[in-house]
Amino acid sequence: AEILQQEGYIGSWKVDEPAEGAVGKTLVLDLKYGPNRERSISGIRRISKPDLRVYAKASGLPKVLGGLGVAIISTSTGLLTDRQAKQKGVGGEVLAYVW
């Protein structure tokens, strides 16, 4: 959620504690919209899954929509965007694409 906020896709986010009897916490996102109510997030695609992990080297990090979107990468230094990982020269697990 922090990466989505840094990239300008969402306004804010918070984690709500579970209601009584419910299991797990809830992530609440404040979505951003343009001046004419157009969405800032057109799509999200989960790439790496528990049964099929997807990894990429720093030189082979994917570009989402020719650089218009963002790939979220889990690296040894934490979660980074594809641009940040390429700049630091680290690869990792490709978690999701956001455009």
PDB file of N, CA and C in Angstrom:
ATOM      1  N   ALA A   1       0.828  -1.191   0.000  1.00  0.00           N
ATOM      2  CA  ALA A   1       0.000   0.000   0.000  1.00  0.00           C
ATOM      3  C   ALA A   1       0.871   1.254   0.000  1.00  0.00           C
ATOM      4  N   GLU A   2       1.997   1.172   0.679  1.00  0.00           N
ATOM      5  CA  GLU A   2       2.902   2.326   0.726  1.00  0.00           C
ATOM      6  C   GLU A   2       3.432   2.670  -0.668  1.00  0.00           C
ATOM      7  N   ILE A   3       3.760   1.650  -1.443  1.00  0.00           N
ATOM      8  CA  ILE A   3       4.258   1.883  -2.804  1.00  0.00           C
ATOM      9  C   ILE A   3       3.165   2.502  -3.667  1.00  0.00           C
ATOM     10  N   LEU A   4       1.930   2.029  -3.538  1.00  0.00           N
ATOM     11  CA  LEU A   4       0.825   2.596  -4.309  1.00  0.00           C
ATOM     12  C   LEU A   4       0.614   4.073  -3.959  1.00  0.00           C
ATOM     13  N   GLN A   5       0.800   4.418  -2.691  1.00  0.00           N
ATOM     14  CA  GLN A   5       0.661   5.812  -2.280  1.00  0.00           C
ATOM     15  C   GLN A   5       1.808   6.659  -2.829  1.00  0.00           C
ATOM     16  N   GLN A   6       3.027   6.152  -2.773  1.00  0.00           N
ATOM     17  CA  GLN A   6       4.191   6.874  -3.302  1.00  0.00           C
ATOM     18  C   GLN A   6       4.055   7.111  -4.803  1.00  0.00           C
ATOM     19  N   GLU A   7       3.492   6.153  -5.513  1.00  0.00           N
ATOM     20  CA  GLU A   7       3.346   6.269  -6.963  1.00  0.00           C
ATOM     21  C   GLU A   7       2.110   7.071  -7.372  1.00  0.00           C
ATOM     22  N   GLY A   8       1.293   7.496  -6.412  1.00  0.00           N
ATOM     23  CA  GLY A   8       0.145   8.341  -6.698  1.00  0.00           C
ATOM     24  C   GLY A   8      -1.123   7.611  -7.100  1.00  0.00           C
ATOM     25  N   TYR A   9      -1.191   6.305  -6.847  1.00  0.00           N
ATOM     26  CA  TYR A   9      -2.381   5.534  -7.204  1.00  0.00           C
ATOM     27  C   TYR A   9      -3.478   5.623  -6.137  1.00  0.00           C
ATOM     28  N   ILE A  10      -3.084   5.786  -4.860  1.00  0.00           N
ATOM     29  CA  ILE A  10      -4.066   5.897  -3.779  1.00  0.00           C
ATOM     30  C   ILE A  10      -3.751   7.129  -2.940  1.00  0.00           C
ATOM     31  N   GLY A  11      -4.774   7.624  -2.227  1.00  0.00           N
ATOM     32  CA  GLY A  11      -4.582   8.792  -1.378  1.00  0.00           C
ATOM     33  C   GLY A  11      -3.983   8.419  -0.036  1.00  0.00           C
ATOM     34  N   SER A  12      -4.611   7.488   0.659  1.00  0.00           N
ATOM     35  CA  SER A  12      -4.122   7.056   1.961  1.00  0.00           C
ATOM     36  C   SER A  12      -4.531   5.604   2.189  1.00  0.00           C
ATOM     37  N   TRP A  13      -4.013   5.032   3.279  1.00  0.00           N
ATOM     38  CA  TRP A  13      -4.353   3.656   3.615  1.00  0.00           C
ATOM     39  C   TRP A  13      -4.221   3.466   5.113  1.00  0.00           C
ATOM     40  N   LYS A  14      -4.925   2.468   5.633  1.00  0.00           N
ATOM     41  CA  LYS A  14      -4.814   2.120   7.049  1.00  0.00           C
ATOM     42  C   LYS A  14      -5.180   0.652   7.222  1.00  0.00           C
ATOM     43  N   VAL A  15      -4.765   0.104   8.356  1.00  0.00           N
ATOM     44  CA  VAL A  15      -5.073  -1.281   8.687  1.00  0.00           C
ATOM     45  C   VAL A  15      -6.063  -1.264   9.850  1.00  0.00           C
ATOM     46  N   ASP A  16      -7.258  -1.833   9.632  1.00  0.00           N
ATOM     47  CA  ASP A  16      -8.280  -1.925  10.675  1.00  0.00           C
ATOM     48  C   ASP A  16      -8.152  -3.254  11.395  1.00  0.00           C
ATOM     49  N   GLU A  17      -8.337  -3.193  12.705  1.00  0.00           N
ATOM     50  CA  GLU A  17      -8.332  -4.413  13.506  1.00  0.00           C
ATOM     51  C   GLU A  17      -9.592  -5.216  13.180  1.00  0.00           C
ATOM     52  N   PRO A  18      -9.547  -6.518  13.352  1.00  0.00           N
ATOM     53  CA  PRO A  18     -10.727  -7.334  13.028  1.00  0.00           C
ATOM     54  C   PRO A  18     -11.888  -7.041  13.977  1.00  0.00           C
ATOM     55  N   ALA A  19     -13.097  -7.092  13.441  1.00  0.00           N
ATOM     56  CA  ALA A  19     -14.291  -6.946  14.257  1.00  0.00           C
ATOM     57  C   ALA A  19     -14.423  -8.186  15.135  1.00  0.00           C
ATOM     58  N   GLU A  20     -15.221  -8.087  16.170  1.00  0.00           N
ATOM     59  CA  GLU A  20     -15.375  -9.216  17.086  1.00  0.00           C
ATOM     60  C   GLU A  20     -15.938 -10.423  16.338  1.00  0.00           C
ATOM     61  N   GLY A  21     -15.260 -11.524  16.436  1.00  0.00           N
ATOM     62  CA  GLY A  21     -15.684 -12.744  15.758  1.00  0.00           C
ATOM     63  C   GLY A  21     -15.090 -12.900  14.363  1.00  0.00           C
ATOM     64  N   ALA A  22     -14.492 -11.835  13.818  1.00  0.00           N
ATOM     65  CA  ALA A  22     -13.893 -11.907  12.482  1.00  0.00           C
ATOM     66  C   ALA A  22     -12.442 -12.344  12.591  1.00  0.00           C
ATOM     67  N   VAL A  23     -11.928 -12.893  11.513  1.00  0.00           N
ATOM     68  CA  VAL A  23     -10.553 -13.362  11.488  1.00  0.00           C
ATOM     69  C   VAL A  23      -9.729 -12.439  10.596  1.00  0.00           C
ATOM     70  N   GLY A  24      -8.590 -11.974  11.071  1.00  0.00           N
ATOM     71  CA  GLY A  24      -7.667 -11.193  10.263  1.00  0.00           C
ATOM     72  C   GLY A  24      -7.977  -9.707  10.211  1.00  0.00           C
ATOM     73  N   LYS A  25      -6.961  -8.948   9.883  1.00  0.00           N
ATOM     74  CA  LYS A  25      -7.075  -7.502   9.770  1.00  0.00           C
ATOM     75  C   LYS A  25      -7.552  -7.131   8.371  1.00  0.00           C
ATOM     76  N   THR A  26      -8.011  -5.881   8.217  1.00  0.00           N
ATOM     77  CA  THR A  26      -8.515  -5.396   6.939  1.00  0.00           C
ATOM     78  C   THR A  26      -7.692  -4.202   6.487  1.00  0.00           C
ATOM     79  N   LEU A  27      -7.265  -4.209   5.238  1.00  0.00           N
ATOM     80  CA  LEU A  27      -6.547  -3.095   4.644  1.00  0.00           C
ATOM     81  C   LEU A  27      -7.562  -2.188   3.961  1.00  0.00           C
ATOM     82  N   VAL A  28      -7.615  -0.909   4.389  1.00  0.00           N
ATOM     83  CA  VAL A  28      -8.579   0.046   3.842  1.00  0.00           C
ATOM     84  C   VAL A  28      -7.807   1.067   3.007  1.00  0.00           C
ATOM     85  N   LEU A  29      -8.152   1.152   1.704  1.00  0.00           N
ATOM     86  CA  LEU A  29      -7.482   2.063   0.780  1.00  0.00           C
ATOM     87  C   LEU A  29      -8.409   3.201   0.397  1.00  0.00           C
ATOM     88  N   ASP A  30      -7.873   4.428   0.335  1.00  0.00           N
ATOM     89  CA  ASP A  30      -8.608   5.589  -0.153  1.00  0.00           C
ATOM     90  C   ASP A  30      -8.180   5.794  -1.603  1.00  0.00           C
ATOM     91  N   LEU A  31      -9.036   5.393  -2.539  1.00  0.00           N
ATOM     92  CA  LEU A  31      -8.693   5.458  -3.958  1.00  0.00           C
ATOM     93  C   LEU A  31      -8.673   6.890  -4.457  1.00  0.00           C
ATOM     94  N   LYS A  32      -7.787   7.160  -5.407  1.00  0.00           N
ATOM     95  CA  LYS A  32      -7.700   8.482  -6.017  1.00  0.00           C
ATOM     96  C   LYS A  32      -8.464   8.495  -7.331  1.00  0.00           C
ATOM     97  N   TYR A  33      -9.043   9.639  -7.645  1.00  0.00           N
ATOM     98  CA  TYR A  33      -9.763   9.821  -8.904  1.00  0.00           C
ATOM     99  C   TYR A  33      -9.312  11.114  -9.547  1.00  0.00           C
ATOM    100  N   GLY A  34      -9.415  11.196 -10.871  1.00  0.00           N
ATOM    101  CA  GLY A  34      -9.059  12.401 -11.604  1.00  0.00           C
ATOM    102  C   GLY A  34     -10.163  13.443 -11.503  1.00  0.00           C
ATOM    103  N   PRO A  35      -9.980  14.592 -12.161  1.00  0.00           N
ATOM    104  CA  PRO A  35     -10.972  15.676 -12.080  1.00  0.00           C
ATOM    105  C   PRO A  35     -12.350  15.301 -12.623  1.00  0.00           C
ATOM    106  N   ASN A  36     -12.401  14.394 -13.587  1.00  0.00           N
ATOM    107  CA  ASN A  36     -13.683  13.956 -14.154  1.00  0.00           C
ATOM    108  C   ASN A  36     -14.085  12.572 -13.662  1.00  0.00           C
ATOM    109  N   ARG A  37     -13.656  12.236 -12.450  1.00  0.00           N
ATOM    110  CA  ARG A  37     -13.952  10.956 -11.798  1.00  0.00           C
ATOM    111  C   ARG A  37     -13.368   9.747 -12.526  1.00  0.00           C
ATOM    112  N   GLU A  38     -12.280   9.946 -13.292  1.00  0.00           N
ATOM    113  CA  GLU A  38     -11.632   8.787 -13.910  1.00  0.00           C
ATOM    114  C   GLU A  38     -10.715   8.133 -12.876  1.00  0.00           C
ATOM    115  N   ARG A  39     -10.607   6.824 -12.965  1.00  0.00           N
ATOM    116  CA  ARG A  39      -9.821   6.048 -11.994  1.00  0.00           C
ATOM    117  C   ARG A  39      -8.332   6.257 -12.201  1.00  0.00           C
ATOM    118  N   SER A  40      -7.579   6.263 -11.104  1.00  0.00           N
ATOM    119  CA  SER A  40      -6.125   6.332 -11.239  1.00  0.00           C
ATOM    120  C   SER A  40      -5.545   4.927 -11.420  1.00  0.00           C
ATOM    121  N   ILE A  41      -6.239   3.907 -10.926  1.00  0.00           N
ATOM    122  CA  ILE A  41      -5.824   2.518 -11.124  1.00  0.00           C
ATOM    123  C   ILE A  41      -6.745   1.887 -12.168  1.00  0.00           C
ATOM    124  N   SER A  42      -6.176   1.554 -13.315  1.00  0.00           N
ATOM    125  CA  SER A  42      -6.975   0.888 -14.357  1.00  0.00           C
ATOM    126  C   SER A  42      -7.005  -0.613 -14.150  1.00  0.00           C
ATOM    127  N   GLY A  43      -5.920  -1.158 -13.574  1.00  0.00           N
ATOM    128  CA  GLY A  43      -5.878  -2.593 -13.354  1.00  0.00           C
ATOM    129  C   GLY A  43      -4.754  -3.010 -12.431  1.00  0.00           C
ATOM    130  N   ILE A  44      -4.938  -4.149 -11.802  1.00  0.00           N
ATOM    131  CA  ILE A  44      -3.927  -4.774 -10.944  1.00  0.00           C
ATOM    132  C   ILE A  44      -3.902  -6.247 -11.311  1.00  0.00           C
ATOM    133  N   ARG A  45      -2.708  -6.798 -11.501  1.00  0.00           N
ATOM    134  CA  ARG A  45      -2.583  -8.226 -11.807  1.00  0.00           C
ATOM    135  C   ARG A  45      -1.553  -8.837 -10.865  1.00  0.00           C
ATOM    136  N   ARG A  46      -1.965  -9.864 -10.146  1.00  0.00           N
ATOM    137  CA  ARG A  46      -1.054 -10.608  -9.273  1.00  0.00           C
ATOM    138  C   ARG A  46      -0.220 -11.522 -10.155  1.00  0.00           C
ATOM    139  N   ILE A  47       1.101 -11.465  -9.996  1.00  0.00           N
ATOM    140  CA  ILE A  47       1.984 -12.238 -10.863  1.00  0.00           C
ATOM    141  C   ILE A  47       2.484 -13.489 -10.149  1.00  0.00           C
ATOM    142  N   SER A  48       3.193 -13.323  -9.046  1.00  0.00           N
ATOM    143  CA  SER A  48       3.732 -14.453  -8.311  1.00  0.00           C
ATOM    144  C   SER A  48       2.657 -15.005  -7.383  1.00  0.00           C
ATOM    145  N   LYS A  49       2.488 -16.320  -7.396  1.00  0.00           N
ATOM    146  CA  LYS A  49       1.467 -16.976  -6.585  1.00  0.00           C
ATOM    147  C   LYS A  49       2.129 -18.069  -5.755  1.00  0.00           C
ATOM    148  N   PRO A  50       1.475 -18.531  -4.701  1.00  0.00           N
ATOM    149  CA  PRO A  50       2.097 -19.561  -3.860  1.00  0.00           C
ATOM    150  C   PRO A  50       2.535 -20.808  -4.623  1.00  0.00           C
ATOM    151  N   ASP A  51       1.777 -21.212  -5.624  1.00  0.00           N
ATOM    152  CA  ASP A  51       2.135 -22.425  -6.361  1.00  0.00           C
ATOM    153  C   ASP A  51       3.034 -22.160  -7.568  1.00  0.00           C
ATOM    154  N   LEU A  52       3.233 -20.875  -7.916  1.00  0.00           N
ATOM    155  CA  LEU A  52       4.098 -20.547  -9.046  1.00  0.00           C
ATOM    156  C   LEU A  52       4.772 -19.191  -8.783  1.00  0.00           C
ATOM    157  N   ARG A  53       5.972 -19.247  -8.231  1.00  0.00           N
ATOM    158  CA  ARG A  53       6.717 -18.024  -7.925  1.00  0.00           C
ATOM    159  C   ARG A  53       7.385 -17.515  -9.195  1.00  0.00           C
ATOM    160  N   VAL A  54       7.423 -16.193  -9.361  1.00  0.00           N
ATOM    161  CA  VAL A  54       8.054 -15.586 -10.530  1.00  0.00           C
ATOM    162  C   VAL A  54       9.158 -14.661 -10.034  1.00  0.00           C
ATOM    163  N   TYR A  55      10.392 -14.915 -10.484  1.00  0.00           N
ATOM    164  CA  TYR A  55      11.548 -14.125 -10.085  1.00  0.00           C
ATOM    165  C   TYR A  55      12.153 -13.454 -11.311  1.00  0.00           C
ATOM    166  N   ALA A  56      12.823 -12.317 -11.081  1.00  0.00           N
ATOM    167  CA  ALA A  56      13.485 -11.615 -12.182  1.00  0.00           C
ATOM    168  C   ALA A  56      14.797 -11.029 -11.684  1.00  0.00           C
ATOM    169  N   LYS A  57      15.825 -11.091 -12.530  1.00  0.00           N
ATOM    170  CA  LYS A  57      17.100 -10.447 -12.223  1.00  0.00           C
ATOM    171  C   LYS A  57      16.950  -8.950 -12.458  1.00  0.00           C
ATOM    172  N   ALA A  58      17.894  -8.186 -11.965  1.00  0.00           N
ATOM    173  CA  ALA A  58      17.851  -6.727 -12.132  1.00  0.00           C
ATOM    174  C   ALA A  58      17.816  -6.354 -13.611  1.00  0.00           C
ATOM    175  N   SER A  59      18.551  -7.090 -14.432  1.00  0.00           N
ATOM    176  CA  SER A  59      18.581  -6.786 -15.864  1.00  0.00           C
ATOM    177  C   SER A  59      17.309  -7.217 -16.589  1.00  0.00           C
ATOM    178  N   GLY A  60      16.531  -8.122 -15.984  1.00  0.00           N
ATOM    179  CA  GLY A  60      15.338  -8.634 -16.643  1.00  0.00           C
ATOM    180  C   GLY A  60      14.035  -8.216 -15.988  1.00  0.00           C
ATOM    181  N   LEU A  61      14.058  -7.121 -15.225  1.00  0.00           N
ATOM    182  CA  LEU A  61      12.827  -6.670 -14.567  1.00  0.00           C
ATOM    183  C   LEU A  61      11.812  -6.211 -15.615  1.00  0.00           C
ATOM    184  N   PRO A  62      10.560  -6.570 -15.428  1.00  0.00           N
ATOM    185  CA  PRO A  62       9.542  -6.248 -16.440  1.00  0.00           C
ATOM    186  C   PRO A  62       9.152  -4.768 -16.430  1.00  0.00           C
ATOM    187  N   LYS A  63       8.745  -4.281 -17.611  1.00  0.00           N
ATOM    188  CA  LYS A  63       8.167  -2.942 -17.729  1.00  0.00           C
ATOM    189  C   LYS A  63       6.670  -3.140 -17.919  1.00  0.00           C
ATOM    190  N   VAL A  64       5.888  -2.397 -17.179  1.00  0.00           N
ATOM    191  CA  VAL A  64       4.435  -2.515 -17.272  1.00  0.00           C
ATOM    192  C   VAL A  64       3.916  -1.429 -18.204  1.00  0.00           C
ATOM    193  N   LEU A  65       3.235  -1.826 -19.260  1.00  0.00           N
ATOM    194  CA  LEU A  65       2.694  -0.903 -20.265  1.00  0.00           C
ATOM    195  C   LEU A  65       3.744   0.084 -20.764  1.00  0.00           C
ATOM    196  N   GLY A  66       4.916  -0.422 -21.060  1.00  0.00           N
ATOM    197  CA  GLY A  66       5.986   0.422 -21.600  1.00  0.00           C
ATOM    198  C   GLY A  66       6.476   1.482 -20.634  1.00  0.00           C
ATOM    199  N   GLY A  67       6.351   1.245 -19.330  1.00  0.00           N
ATOM    200  CA  GLY A  67       6.816   2.203 -18.335  1.00  0.00           C
ATOM    201  C   GLY A  67       5.707   3.062 -17.747  1.00  0.00           C
ATOM    202  N   LEU A  68       4.480   2.920 -18.242  1.00  0.00           N
ATOM    203  CA  LEU A  68       3.369   3.711 -17.704  1.00  0.00           C
ATOM    204  C   LEU A  68       2.822   3.126 -16.405  1.00  0.00           C
ATOM    205  N   GLY A  69       3.007   1.833 -16.206  1.00  0.00           N
ATOM    206  CA  GLY A  69       2.557   1.173 -14.981  1.00  0.00           C
ATOM    207  C   GLY A  69       3.732   0.874 -14.074  1.00  0.00           C
ATOM    208  N   VAL A  70       3.453   0.143 -13.002  1.00  0.00           N
ATOM    209  CA  VAL A  70       4.471  -0.169 -12.002  1.00  0.00           C
ATOM    210  C   VAL A  70       4.432  -1.663 -11.701  1.00  0.00           C
ATOM    211  N   ALA A  71       5.601  -2.275 -11.591  1.00  0.00           N
ATOM    212  CA  ALA A  71       5.704  -3.645 -11.099  1.00  0.00           C
ATOM    213  C   ALA A  71       6.183  -3.563  -9.652  1.00  0.00           C
ATOM    214  N   ILE A  72       5.572  -4.321  -8.759  1.00  0.00           N
ATOM    215  CA  ILE A  72       5.986  -4.351  -7.355  1.00  0.00           C
ATOM    216  C   ILE A  72       6.849  -5.583  -7.165  1.00  0.00           C
ATOM    217  N   ILE A  73       8.081  -5.346  -6.684  1.00  0.00           N
ATOM    218  CA  ILE A  73       9.092  -6.398  -6.565  1.00  0.00           C
ATOM    219  C   ILE A  73       9.477  -6.574  -5.094  1.00  0.00           C
ATOM    220  N   SER A  74       9.508  -7.829  -4.624  1.00  0.00           N
ATOM    221  CA  SER A  74       9.995  -8.128  -3.282  1.00  0.00           C
ATOM    222  C   SER A  74      11.478  -8.458  -3.393  1.00  0.00           C
ATOM    223  N   THR A  75      12.327  -7.604  -2.813  1.00  0.00           N
ATOM    224  CA  THR A  75      13.774  -7.784  -2.902  1.00  0.00           C
ATOM    225  C   THR A  75      14.352  -8.036  -1.516  1.00  0.00           C
ATOM    226  N   SER A  76      15.648  -8.265  -1.458  1.00  0.00           N
ATOM    227  CA  SER A  76      16.318  -8.456  -0.171  1.00  0.00           C
ATOM    228  C   SER A  76      16.337  -7.169   0.657  1.00  0.00           C
ATOM    229  N   THR A  77      16.106  -6.024   0.005  1.00  0.00           N
ATOM    230  CA  THR A  77      16.069  -4.742   0.728  1.00  0.00           C
ATOM    231  C   THR A  77      14.636  -4.288   1.002  1.00  0.00           C
ATOM    232  N   GLY A  78      13.649  -5.133   0.732  1.00  0.00           N
ATOM    233  CA  GLY A  78      12.253  -4.801   0.979  1.00  0.00           C
ATOM    234  C   GLY A  78      11.471  -4.684  -0.316  1.00  0.00           C
ATOM    235  N   LEU A  79      10.237  -4.191  -0.226  1.00  0.00           N
ATOM    236  CA  LEU A  79       9.401  -4.021  -1.412  1.00  0.00           C
ATOM    237  C   LEU A  79       9.821  -2.769  -2.171  1.00  0.00           C
ATOM    238  N   LEU A  80      10.009  -2.919  -3.481  1.00  0.00           N
ATOM    239  CA  LEU A  80      10.424  -1.806  -4.336  1.00  0.00           C
ATOM    240  C   LEU A  80       9.612  -1.830  -5.621  1.00  0.00           C
ATOM    241  N   THR A  81       9.571  -0.683  -6.303  1.00  0.00           N
ATOM    242  CA  THR A  81       8.994  -0.658  -7.643  1.00  0.00           C
ATOM    243  C   THR A  81      10.049  -1.186  -8.607  1.00  0.00           C
ATOM    244  N   ASP A  82       9.624  -1.487  -9.839  1.00  0.00           N
ATOM    245  CA  ASP A  82      10.583  -1.975 -10.831  1.00  0.00           C
ATOM    246  C   ASP A  82      11.664  -0.934 -11.094  1.00  0.00           C
ATOM    247  N   ARG A  83      11.312   0.344 -11.103  1.00  0.00           N
ATOM    248  CA  ARG A  83      12.296   1.409 -11.351  1.00  0.00           C
ATOM    249  C   ARG A  83      13.306   1.511 -10.211  1.00  0.00           C
ATOM    250  N   GLN A  84      12.824   1.429  -8.960  1.00  0.00           N
ATOM    251  CA  GLN A  84      13.723   1.507  -7.805  1.00  0.00           C
ATOM    252  C   GLN A  84      14.669   0.308  -7.778  1.00  0.00           C
ATOM    253  N   ALA A  85      14.144  -0.889  -8.065  1.00  0.00           N
ATOM    254  CA  ALA A  85      14.976  -2.094  -8.063  1.00  0.00           C
ATOM    255  C   ALA A  85      16.036  -2.020  -9.153  1.00  0.00           C
ATOM    256  N   LYS A  86      15.650  -1.537 -10.331  1.00  0.00           N
ATOM    257  CA  LYS A  86      16.606  -1.409 -11.434  1.00  0.00           C
ATOM    258  C   LYS A  86      17.705  -0.412 -11.072  1.00  0.00           C
ATOM    259  N   GLN A  87      17.309   0.694 -10.425  1.00  0.00           N
ATOM    260  CA  GLN A  87      18.270   1.723 -10.012  1.00  0.00           C
ATOM    261  C   GLN A  87      19.257   1.179  -8.981  1.00  0.00           C
ATOM    262  N   LYS A  88      18.776   0.325  -8.057  1.00  0.00           N
ATOM    263  CA  LYS A  88      19.640  -0.255  -7.026  1.00  0.00           C
ATOM    264  C   LYS A  88      20.384  -1.483  -7.532  1.00  0.00           C
ATOM    265  N   GLY A  89      19.981  -1.989  -8.690  1.00  0.00           N
ATOM    266  CA  GLY A  89      20.652  -3.153  -9.263  1.00  0.00           C
ATOM    267  C   GLY A  89      20.313  -4.455  -8.573  1.00  0.00           C
ATOM    268  N   VAL A  90      19.082  -4.562  -8.058  1.00  0.00           N
ATOM    269  CA  VAL A  90      18.664  -5.796  -7.390  1.00  0.00           C
ATOM    270  C   VAL A  90      17.451  -6.395  -8.101  1.00  0.00           C
ATOM    271  N   GLY A  91      17.365  -7.696  -8.059  1.00  0.00           N
ATOM    272  CA  GLY A  91      16.215  -8.400  -8.595  1.00  0.00           C
ATOM    273  C   GLY A  91      15.401  -8.961  -7.450  1.00  0.00           C
ATOM    274  N   GLY A  92      14.393  -9.754  -7.772  1.00  0.00           N
ATOM    275  CA  GLY A  92      13.584 -10.349  -6.717  1.00  0.00           C
ATOM    276  C   GLY A  92      12.331 -10.986  -7.265  1.00  0.00           C
ATOM    277  N   GLU A  93      11.387 -11.224  -6.375  1.00  0.00           N
ATOM    278  CA  GLU A  93      10.126 -11.851  -6.740  1.00  0.00           C
ATOM    279  C   GLU A  93       9.150 -10.796  -7.254  1.00  0.00           C
ATOM    280  N   VAL A  94       8.592 -11.023  -8.424  1.00  0.00           N
ATOM    281  CA  VAL A  94       7.643 -10.087  -9.027  1.00  0.00           C
ATOM    282  C   VAL A  94       6.259 -10.376  -8.444  1.00  0.00           C
ATOM    283  N   LEU A  95       5.766  -9.471  -7.590  1.00  0.00           N
ATOM    284  CA  LEU A  95       4.501  -9.704  -6.900  1.00  0.00           C
ATOM    285  C   LEU A  95       3.285  -9.300  -7.722  1.00  0.00           C
ATOM    286  N   ALA A  96       3.324  -8.086  -8.317  1.00  0.00           N
ATOM    287  CA  ALA A  96       2.128  -7.591  -9.004  1.00  0.00           C
ATOM    288  C   ALA A  96       2.474  -6.508 -10.012  1.00  0.00           C
ATOM    289  N   TYR A  97       1.562  -6.322 -10.956  1.00  0.00           N
ATOM    290  CA  TYR A  97       1.612  -5.193 -11.895  1.00  0.00           C
ATOM    291  C   TYR A  97       0.441  -4.275 -11.569  1.00  0.00           C
ATOM    292  N   VAL A  98       0.692  -2.967 -11.599  1.00  0.00           N
ATOM    293  CA  VAL A  98      -0.368  -1.972 -11.394  1.00  0.00           C
ATOM    294  C   VAL A  98      -0.272  -0.981 -12.537  1.00  0.00           C
ATOM    295  N   TRP A  99      -1.415  -0.672 -13.171  1.00  0.00           N
ATOM    296  CA  TRP A  99      -1.421   0.300 -14.254  1.00  0.00           C
ATOM    297  C   TRP A  99      -2.678   1.124 -14.211  1.00  0.00           C
TER     298      TRP A  99
END
